[in-house]
Amino acid sequence: MRAPPSESSTRPSTRRTAFGRRLAAKLLVAVGGGVLAGALACATGPDGRAAAGAKSSQAGADDYVRKAVRKSSEGVVFFPSDAAQREYDLQRLNEIARALRQPFAICFLRRAIETMEPTLVDGEKSFAGVPEGQMKFRARIGSDGRVVVTEVLESAFADEWMETCVQKATKDKRFPPTRSGYNKHIDIVYWVSLGFFDAARTPEFALWLRKEQVRVVRRAERCLEGRVAPGSYVVEALNLFDRNGDTVANRVTRGSLPDEAIQCLDSSLKQMRIEAEPDAFVRPVAPHLEFTIADDGALTIADGRWLELIEAEERALRDEKRRELMGTQDEEAGGPIVPAGPGEVPGVRRDEVPDTEAPPETQSEQTAPTQEPEEAPDKTPDDGALRLRPR
């Protein structure tokens, strides 16, 4: 058997081969696509079953990868050699492929937060320096399950850092030992892009971001007032959100702010949340923070007064809505609450109930009530007993 290369990782002298160019073209299709149900391994379908004809030819393999890229912003596909297929349980390889998605995504996040910058493309806001791309590399696995060496076969990554990080994450993964005791190899395809974030182009998102920029500075107010030199400040930031809406990575431009102020702004930015989007992968947002420190240390936030008026209007609308839902005692639907009779108010004795004037139509009945005249007792001549008639 041919001995593997001595270096820990190798790569071809030509960065972009025909395969790499095809992958770069496919990446344009992947942007904004749906999320694949699970990691792909051993040319299996999203349901975990083997894809028919996926490994039968190179054309079938390329077609399978192309369809997978269209369904997901990121993913992993294993193509084990024939010898490796005989050595490994395919279900176990599926599990390893799924497990590699997380460290590969961490590589993307670590690089993206360093290299991404807001820009304009055809007059629309976008981002430059996104470390997206695709690659195919070979992992040679020793008899003990350790990855002995990795080798880049084809790549459409413009950033070599991503290639190095992905290979290192693979070498940190442990595979099952081979049954035969010989080294085997698996070809791995990995692709990644920002993915779906159409909401960023809507007026609603622009309004949300304008509000959040003020709230970020508000939360850092205690670290800014009296601790930052007087002057006007503009701070550019970058937040990366996951599909659940949580901030997973962020950065703040330093400028002339002291370390404590930078740390407070960084902590405040981490608290930002965005609407969940199940079809998203990583969503970038670039907050623009503006504030002024007066000579007496007082903080004035750009758009601060505007947000106060907006929040006051929102509170008024919420209060009005609450009144509509709960109702009031004077509304026609419920009517006024009136005791049914004297003494029926809780906590009031009958002798404490104030006299109230009776309605006109009943006053005569109260002052001169009509009573039935009592009938005289009836005596019978026979026994002289006193007998009363029943009323």
Protein backbone atom coordinates (compact mmCIF):
# COMPACT_ATOMS: atom_id res chain seq x y z
CA MET A 1 0.00 0.00 0.00
CA ARG A 2 1.33 3.46 -0.86
CA ALA A 3 2.46 5.39 2.15
CA PRO A 4 0.50 8.58 2.81
CA PRO A 5 2.21 11.96 2.47
CA SER A 6 4.30 12.96 5.45
CA GLU A 7 2.79 16.44 5.84
CA SER A 8 -0.37 16.84 7.89
CA SER A 9 -2.25 18.45 5.01
CA THR A 10 -1.63 19.08 1.34
CA ARG A 11 -3.44 21.03 -1.36
CA PRO A 12 -3.19 21.19 -5.17
CA SER A 13 -1.03 23.84 -6.78
CA THR A 14 -3.95 25.11 -8.84
CA ARG A 15 -6.62 26.64 -6.57
CA ARG A 16 -9.55 26.49 -8.95
CA THR A 17 -9.96 23.46 -11.14
CA ALA A 18 -12.97 22.70 -13.31
CA PHE A 19 -14.66 21.08 -10.31
CA GLY A 20 -13.97 24.17 -8.20
CA ARG A 21 -15.48 26.44 -10.83
CA ARG A 22 -18.58 24.26 -11.00
CA LEU A 23 -18.93 24.47 -7.22
CA ALA A 24 -18.56 28.25 -7.31
CA ALA A 25 -21.42 28.45 -9.82
CA LYS A 26 -23.56 26.16 -7.66
CA LEU A 27 -22.96 28.42 -4.66
CA LEU A 28 -24.94 31.17 -6.34
CA VAL A 29 -27.90 28.80 -6.38
CA ALA A 30 -27.42 27.96 -2.71
CA VAL A 31 -27.86 31.52 -1.46
CA GLY A 32 -31.38 31.92 -0.11
CA GLY A 33 -32.16 28.23 -0.42
CA GLY A 34 -33.92 26.03 2.10
CA VAL A 35 -32.33 24.12 4.93
CA LEU A 36 -31.52 20.48 4.37
CA ALA A 37 -33.27 18.18 6.83
CA GLY A 38 -30.03 16.62 8.08
CA ALA A 39 -26.40 16.14 7.28
CA LEU A 40 -25.73 13.97 4.27
CA ALA A 41 -23.26 11.12 4.38
CA CYS A 42 -22.29 8.26 2.12
CA ALA A 43 -24.49 9.70 -0.63
CA THR A 44 -27.68 9.24 1.41
CA GLY A 45 -30.86 11.18 0.90
CA PRO A 46 -32.47 13.58 3.39
CA ASP A 47 -34.57 10.69 4.72
CA GLY A 48 -31.43 8.70 5.56
CA ARG A 49 -31.90 6.17 2.76
CA ALA A 50 -29.27 5.52 0.13
CA ALA A 51 -29.73 7.70 -2.93
CA ALA A 52 -30.19 5.62 -6.02
CA GLY A 53 -27.31 5.98 -8.47
CA ALA A 54 -25.63 8.73 -6.42
CA LYS A 55 -22.32 6.85 -6.27
CA SER A 56 -22.62 4.94 -9.51
CA SER A 57 -20.68 7.56 -11.47
CA GLN A 58 -18.92 10.88 -11.10
CA ALA A 59 -21.78 12.54 -12.96
CA GLY A 60 -24.24 11.03 -10.48
CA ALA A 61 -22.15 12.25 -7.56
CA ASP A 62 -21.93 15.77 -8.97
CA ASP A 63 -25.68 15.82 -9.55
CA TYR A 64 -26.30 14.68 -6.00
CA VAL A 65 -24.09 17.44 -4.57
CA ARG A 66 -25.75 20.04 -6.78
CA LYS A 67 -29.21 19.09 -5.48
CA ALA A 68 -27.99 19.09 -1.88
CA VAL A 69 -26.49 22.58 -2.25
CA ARG A 70 -29.78 23.88 -3.61
CA LYS A 71 -31.60 22.64 -0.52
CA SER A 72 -29.26 24.05 2.11
CA SER A 73 -26.96 26.96 2.94
CA GLU A 74 -24.45 24.54 4.46
CA GLY A 75 -23.91 20.81 4.54
CA VAL A 76 -21.55 17.86 4.52
CA VAL A 77 -21.48 14.90 2.12
CA PHE A 78 -19.30 11.82 2.59
CA PHE A 79 -18.13 9.76 -0.37
CA PRO A 80 -16.29 6.76 1.13
CA SER A 81 -14.05 4.67 -1.08
CA ASP A 82 -15.21 1.18 -1.97
CA ALA A 83 -12.83 -0.26 0.61
CA ALA A 84 -14.10 2.17 3.27
CA GLN A 85 -17.69 1.21 2.54
CA ARG A 86 -16.81 -2.39 3.32
CA GLU A 87 -15.08 -1.34 6.55
CA TYR A 88 -17.53 1.12 8.09
CA ASP A 89 -21.15 1.01 9.10
CA LEU A 90 -22.91 3.59 6.93
CA GLN A 91 -25.22 4.69 9.72
CA ARG A 92 -22.19 5.50 11.87
CA LEU A 93 -20.70 7.56 9.03
CA ASN A 94 -24.00 9.46 8.78
CA GLU A 95 -23.70 10.34 12.46
CA ILE A 96 -20.12 11.57 12.00
CA ALA A 97 -21.14 13.72 9.03
CA ARG A 98 -23.91 15.32 11.10
CA ALA A 99 -21.46 15.92 13.94
CA LEU A 100 -19.02 17.72 11.64
CA ARG A 101 -21.54 20.38 10.67
CA GLN A 102 -21.14 22.19 13.99
CA PRO A 103 -17.32 22.57 14.00
CA PHE A 104 -17.42 23.50 10.32
CA ALA A 105 -20.02 26.19 11.09
CA ILE A 106 -17.81 27.50 13.90
CA CYS A 107 -15.00 27.90 11.36
CA PHE A 108 -17.33 30.01 9.24
CA LEU A 109 -18.47 32.17 12.18
CA ARG A 110 -14.95 32.78 13.47
CA ARG A 111 -13.76 33.93 10.07
CA ALA A 112 -16.90 35.88 9.16
CA ILE A 113 -16.79 38.08 12.26
CA GLU A 114 -13.23 39.04 11.32
CA THR A 115 -13.52 39.59 7.57
CA MET A 116 -17.08 40.71 6.80
CA GLU A 117 -17.70 44.38 6.07
CA PRO A 118 -20.88 46.23 5.08
CA THR A 119 -20.91 47.41 1.49
CA LEU A 120 -23.24 48.41 -1.34
CA VAL A 121 -23.91 46.22 -4.36
CA ASP A 122 -25.95 47.83 -7.13
CA GLY A 123 -27.20 50.40 -4.63
CA GLU A 124 -28.36 47.79 -2.09
CA LYS A 125 -26.80 47.05 1.28
CA SER A 126 -24.73 43.88 1.30
CA PHE A 127 -21.55 42.43 2.81
CA ALA A 128 -18.07 41.91 1.43
CA GLY A 129 -15.50 39.45 2.72
CA VAL A 130 -17.99 36.64 3.41
CA PRO A 131 -15.92 33.42 3.83
CA GLU A 132 -18.38 31.32 1.84
CA GLY A 133 -17.47 28.64 -0.63
CA GLN A 134 -17.23 24.90 -1.23
CA MET A 135 -14.49 22.33 -1.15
CA LYS A 136 -13.81 18.66 -1.68
CA PHE A 137 -11.04 17.10 0.38
CA ARG A 138 -9.85 13.61 1.23
CA ALA A 139 -9.46 12.29 4.77
CA ARG A 140 -7.16 9.28 5.20
CA ILE A 141 -8.16 7.34 8.30
CA GLY A 142 -5.81 5.10 10.23
CA SER A 143 -6.62 1.70 11.60
CA ASP A 144 -7.27 3.22 15.04
CA GLY A 145 -9.86 5.67 13.69
CA ARG A 146 -7.65 8.78 13.79
CA VAL A 147 -7.46 11.00 10.71
CA VAL A 148 -3.86 10.61 9.57
CA VAL A 149 -3.84 13.28 6.86
CA THR A 150 -6.19 15.49 4.87
CA GLU A 151 -5.74 16.60 1.30
CA VAL A 152 -7.67 19.32 -0.57
CA LEU A 153 -8.81 17.91 -3.91
CA GLU A 154 -10.86 20.81 -5.26
CA SER A 155 -11.85 24.14 -3.74
CA ALA A 156 -14.02 27.17 -4.46
CA PHE A 157 -13.08 28.94 -1.22
CA ALA A 158 -11.32 32.23 -1.88
CA ASP A 159 -10.10 32.17 1.73
CA GLU A 160 -7.46 29.53 2.48
CA TRP A 161 -8.13 30.04 6.18
CA MET A 162 -11.44 28.25 5.78
CA GLU A 163 -9.78 25.29 4.09
CA THR A 164 -7.25 24.98 6.93
CA CYS A 165 -9.90 25.30 9.67
CA VAL A 166 -12.23 22.72 8.10
CA GLN A 167 -9.38 20.23 7.69
CA LYS A 168 -8.30 20.71 11.30
CA ALA A 169 -11.87 20.16 12.53
CA THR A 170 -11.95 16.92 10.54
CA LYS A 171 -8.64 15.72 11.98
CA ASP A 172 -9.99 16.36 15.48
CA LYS A 173 -12.85 13.93 14.78
CA ARG A 174 -12.45 10.26 15.67
CA PHE A 175 -13.72 7.62 13.25
CA PRO A 176 -14.38 3.97 14.15
CA PRO A 177 -11.32 1.68 13.89
CA THR A 178 -11.09 -0.26 10.65
CA ARG A 179 -11.88 -3.96 10.78
CA SER A 180 -9.01 -4.93 8.50
CA GLY A 181 -6.39 -2.79 10.24
CA TYR A 182 -5.48 -0.89 7.05
CA ASN A 183 -5.87 2.82 6.36
CA LYS A 184 -8.93 3.90 4.36
CA HIS A 185 -10.01 7.18 2.85
CA ILE A 186 -13.25 9.15 2.60
CA ASP A 187 -13.83 12.09 0.26
CA ILE A 188 -15.74 14.90 1.97
CA VAL A 189 -17.66 17.73 0.30
CA TYR A 190 -18.47 20.81 2.40
CA TRP A 191 -20.28 23.98 1.35
CA VAL A 192 -21.39 27.09 3.23
CA SER A 193 -22.98 30.47 2.50
CA LEU A 194 -24.90 33.10 4.45
CA GLY A 195 -28.22 31.83 3.20
CA PHE A 196 -31.75 33.21 3.48
CA PHE A 197 -32.27 36.77 4.83
CA ASP A 198 -34.78 38.53 2.60
CA ALA A 199 -36.31 40.39 5.56
CA ALA A 200 -33.22 42.63 5.72
CA ARG A 201 -34.49 44.51 2.65
CA THR A 202 -37.89 45.41 4.12
CA PRO A 203 -38.92 48.76 5.69
CA GLU A 204 -39.99 46.87 8.82
CA PHE A 205 -36.45 45.61 9.33
CA ALA A 206 -34.99 49.10 8.82
CA LEU A 207 -37.35 50.46 11.49
CA TRP A 208 -36.44 47.64 13.89
CA LEU A 209 -32.72 48.26 13.42
CA ARG A 210 -33.10 52.01 13.99
CA LYS A 211 -34.82 51.33 17.32
CA GLU A 212 -32.32 48.67 18.39
CA GLN A 213 -29.35 50.96 17.75
CA VAL A 214 -30.70 53.41 20.34
CA ARG A 215 -31.45 50.63 22.83
CA VAL A 216 -27.92 49.25 22.53
CA VAL A 217 -26.46 52.59 23.66
CA ARG A 218 -29.10 52.91 26.39
CA ARG A 219 -28.01 49.60 27.94
CA ALA A 220 -24.39 50.80 27.96
CA GLU A 221 -25.23 54.19 29.44
CA ARG A 222 -23.63 53.51 32.84
CA CYS A 223 -20.27 52.86 31.17
CA LEU A 224 -20.44 55.95 28.99
CA GLU A 225 -21.67 58.80 31.16
CA GLY A 226 -18.83 60.41 33.08
CA ARG A 227 -16.28 57.84 31.86
CA VAL A 228 -15.83 58.85 28.23
CA ALA A 229 -14.22 62.09 27.16
CA PRO A 230 -16.60 64.76 25.85
CA GLY A 231 -17.24 64.59 22.14
CA SER A 232 -19.32 62.94 19.42
CA TYR A 233 -18.80 59.25 18.69
CA VAL A 234 -19.74 56.93 15.85
CA VAL A 235 -19.33 53.20 16.50
CA GLU A 236 -19.72 50.58 13.78
CA ALA A 237 -20.58 47.03 14.85
CA LEU A 238 -21.42 43.64 13.38
CA ASN A 239 -23.78 41.01 14.78
CA LEU A 240 -24.25 37.52 13.39
CA PHE A 241 -27.59 35.88 14.25
CA ASP A 242 -28.51 32.21 13.99
CA ARG A 243 -31.82 30.84 12.71
CA ASN A 244 -33.33 31.11 16.21
CA GLY A 245 -32.64 34.84 16.35
CA ASP A 246 -29.80 34.74 18.92
CA THR A 247 -26.51 36.60 18.54
CA VAL A 248 -23.79 33.99 18.01
CA ALA A 249 -20.88 36.35 17.22
CA ASN A 250 -20.32 40.11 17.25
CA ARG A 251 -17.63 42.78 17.14
CA VAL A 252 -17.25 46.51 17.85
CA THR A 253 -14.91 48.97 16.18
CA ARG A 254 -12.60 50.35 18.82
CA GLY A 255 -12.08 53.98 17.75
CA SER A 256 -11.16 56.29 20.63
CA LEU A 257 -13.37 54.65 23.24
CA PRO A 258 -11.79 53.22 26.41
CA ASP A 259 -11.77 49.46 27.04
CA GLU A 260 -14.60 49.62 29.58
CA ALA A 261 -16.90 51.40 27.14
CA ILE A 262 -16.06 48.92 24.37
CA GLN A 263 -16.83 46.00 26.69
CA CYS A 264 -20.19 47.50 27.70
CA LEU A 265 -21.20 48.12 24.09
CA ASP A 266 -20.08 44.60 23.20
CA SER A 267 -22.17 43.13 26.03
CA SER A 268 -25.16 45.23 25.01
CA LEU A 269 -24.86 44.10 21.39
CA LYS A 270 -24.88 40.47 22.51
CA GLN A 271 -28.36 41.03 23.97
CA MET A 272 -29.81 41.90 20.57
CA ARG A 273 -32.30 39.41 19.22
CA ILE A 274 -33.97 39.11 15.86
CA GLU A 275 -37.04 37.27 14.59
CA ALA A 276 -36.53 33.53 14.20
CA GLU A 277 -36.24 32.23 10.65
CA PRO A 278 -36.10 28.41 10.30
CA ASP A 279 -34.79 28.62 6.73
CA ALA A 280 -31.83 30.83 7.66
CA PHE A 281 -28.25 29.88 8.54
CA VAL A 282 -26.29 33.01 9.55
CA ARG A 283 -27.83 36.49 9.27
CA PRO A 284 -25.52 39.52 9.50
CA VAL A 285 -26.63 42.90 10.87
CA ALA A 286 -24.42 46.00 11.05
CA PRO A 287 -25.60 48.36 13.84
CA HIS A 288 -24.53 52.01 13.53
CA LEU A 289 -24.27 53.66 16.97
CA GLU A 290 -24.09 57.44 17.40
CA PHE A 291 -23.97 59.36 20.68
CA THR A 292 -22.54 62.54 22.22
CA ILE A 293 -20.93 63.08 25.62
CA ALA A 294 -21.38 66.62 26.94
CA ASP A 295 -18.81 68.51 29.03
CA ASP A 296 -20.72 67.56 32.19
CA GLY A 297 -20.66 63.87 31.17
CA ALA A 298 -24.32 63.70 30.09
CA LEU A 299 -25.13 61.24 27.31
CA THR A 300 -27.23 62.17 24.29
CA ILE A 301 -28.13 59.37 21.87
CA ALA A 302 -28.84 60.01 18.23
CA ASP A 303 -32.52 59.19 17.58
CA GLY A 304 -33.00 58.98 21.36
CA ARG A 305 -35.83 61.55 21.46
CA TRP A 306 -37.41 59.99 18.37
CA LEU A 307 -37.52 56.59 20.08
CA GLU A 308 -39.01 58.08 23.26
CA LEU A 309 -41.91 59.48 21.23
CA ILE A 310 -42.35 56.18 19.39
CA GLU A 311 -42.39 54.21 22.66
CA ALA A 312 -44.87 56.67 24.24
CA GLU A 313 -47.18 56.24 21.26
CA GLU A 314 -46.85 52.45 21.45
CA ARG A 315 -47.69 52.50 25.18
CA ALA A 316 -50.77 54.63 24.51
CA LEU A 317 -51.94 52.22 21.83
CA ARG A 318 -51.40 49.26 24.16
CA ASP A 319 -53.36 50.96 26.95
CA GLU A 320 -56.20 51.78 24.60
CA LYS A 321 -56.27 48.20 23.37
CA ARG A 322 -56.29 46.93 26.94
CA ARG A 323 -59.26 49.14 27.81
CA GLU A 324 -61.12 47.86 24.78
CA LEU A 325 -60.50 44.27 25.81
CA MET A 326 -61.28 44.68 29.54
CA GLY A 327 -64.13 47.22 29.24
CA THR A 328 -65.27 49.80 31.90
CA GLN A 329 -68.16 49.96 34.39
CA ASP A 330 -69.90 52.68 32.41
CA GLU A 331 -69.93 50.81 29.14
CA GLU A 332 -73.26 49.73 27.73
CA ALA A 333 -72.17 46.10 27.45
CA GLY A 334 -71.64 45.65 31.18
CA GLY A 335 -73.84 48.40 32.66
CA PRO A 336 -73.35 50.08 36.06
CA ILE A 337 -72.94 47.90 39.14
CA VAL A 338 -75.91 48.57 41.48
CA PRO A 339 -76.74 46.68 44.71
CA ALA A 340 -79.95 44.68 44.52
CA GLY A 341 -81.26 46.00 47.80
CA PRO A 342 -80.40 47.84 51.04
CA GLY A 343 -77.75 46.14 53.13
CA GLU A 344 -76.47 44.04 50.28
CA VAL A 345 -73.25 46.01 49.88
CA PRO A 346 -70.44 43.88 51.40
CA GLY A 347 -69.15 45.27 54.71
CA VAL A 348 -72.14 47.57 55.35
CA ARG A 349 -74.73 46.85 58.09
CA ARG A 350 -78.38 47.37 57.46
CA ASP A 351 -78.60 50.28 59.91
CA GLU A 352 -75.72 52.04 58.07
CA VAL A 353 -77.46 52.03 54.71
CA PRO A 354 -78.45 55.67 53.93
CA ASP A 355 -82.10 56.44 53.31
CA THR A 356 -82.79 56.93 49.68
CA GLU A 357 -85.77 58.66 48.17
CA ALA A 358 -88.12 56.18 46.62
CA PRO A 359 -89.06 56.53 42.97
CA PRO A 360 -92.16 58.64 42.36
CA GLU A 361 -94.24 55.75 41.20
CA THR A 362 -93.64 53.76 44.41
CA GLN A 363 -93.56 56.52 47.07
CA SER A 364 -97.31 56.43 47.70
CA GLU A 365 -97.13 52.73 48.24
CA GLN A 366 -94.39 53.15 50.85
CA THR A 367 -96.19 55.96 52.83
CA ALA A 368 -99.67 54.50 52.74
CA PRO A 369 -99.49 50.79 52.23
CA THR A 370 -102.78 49.03 51.72
CA GLN A 371 -103.63 46.36 54.29
CA GLU A 372 -106.35 43.78 54.32
CA PRO A 373 -108.98 44.50 57.06
CA GLU A 374 -109.04 41.90 59.75
CA GLU A 375 -112.28 40.02 59.98
CA ALA A 376 -114.06 39.80 63.32
CA PRO A 377 -113.92 36.51 65.10
CA ASP A 378 -116.92 34.35 64.50
CA LYS A 379 -118.89 32.96 67.39
CA THR A 380 -121.05 29.99 66.96
CA PRO A 381 -124.25 29.88 68.99
CA ASP A 382 -123.92 26.29 69.85
CA ASP A 383 -120.72 26.21 71.93
CA GLY A 384 -119.60 29.85 72.32
CA ALA A 385 -115.99 28.96 71.22
CA LEU A 386 -113.87 31.57 69.62
CA ARG A 387 -112.90 30.56 66.06
CA LEU A 388 -110.70 32.43 63.60
CA ARG A 389 -111.03 32.19 59.91
CA PRO A 390 -107.96 31.39 57.98
CA ARG A 391 -106.44 34.35 56.08
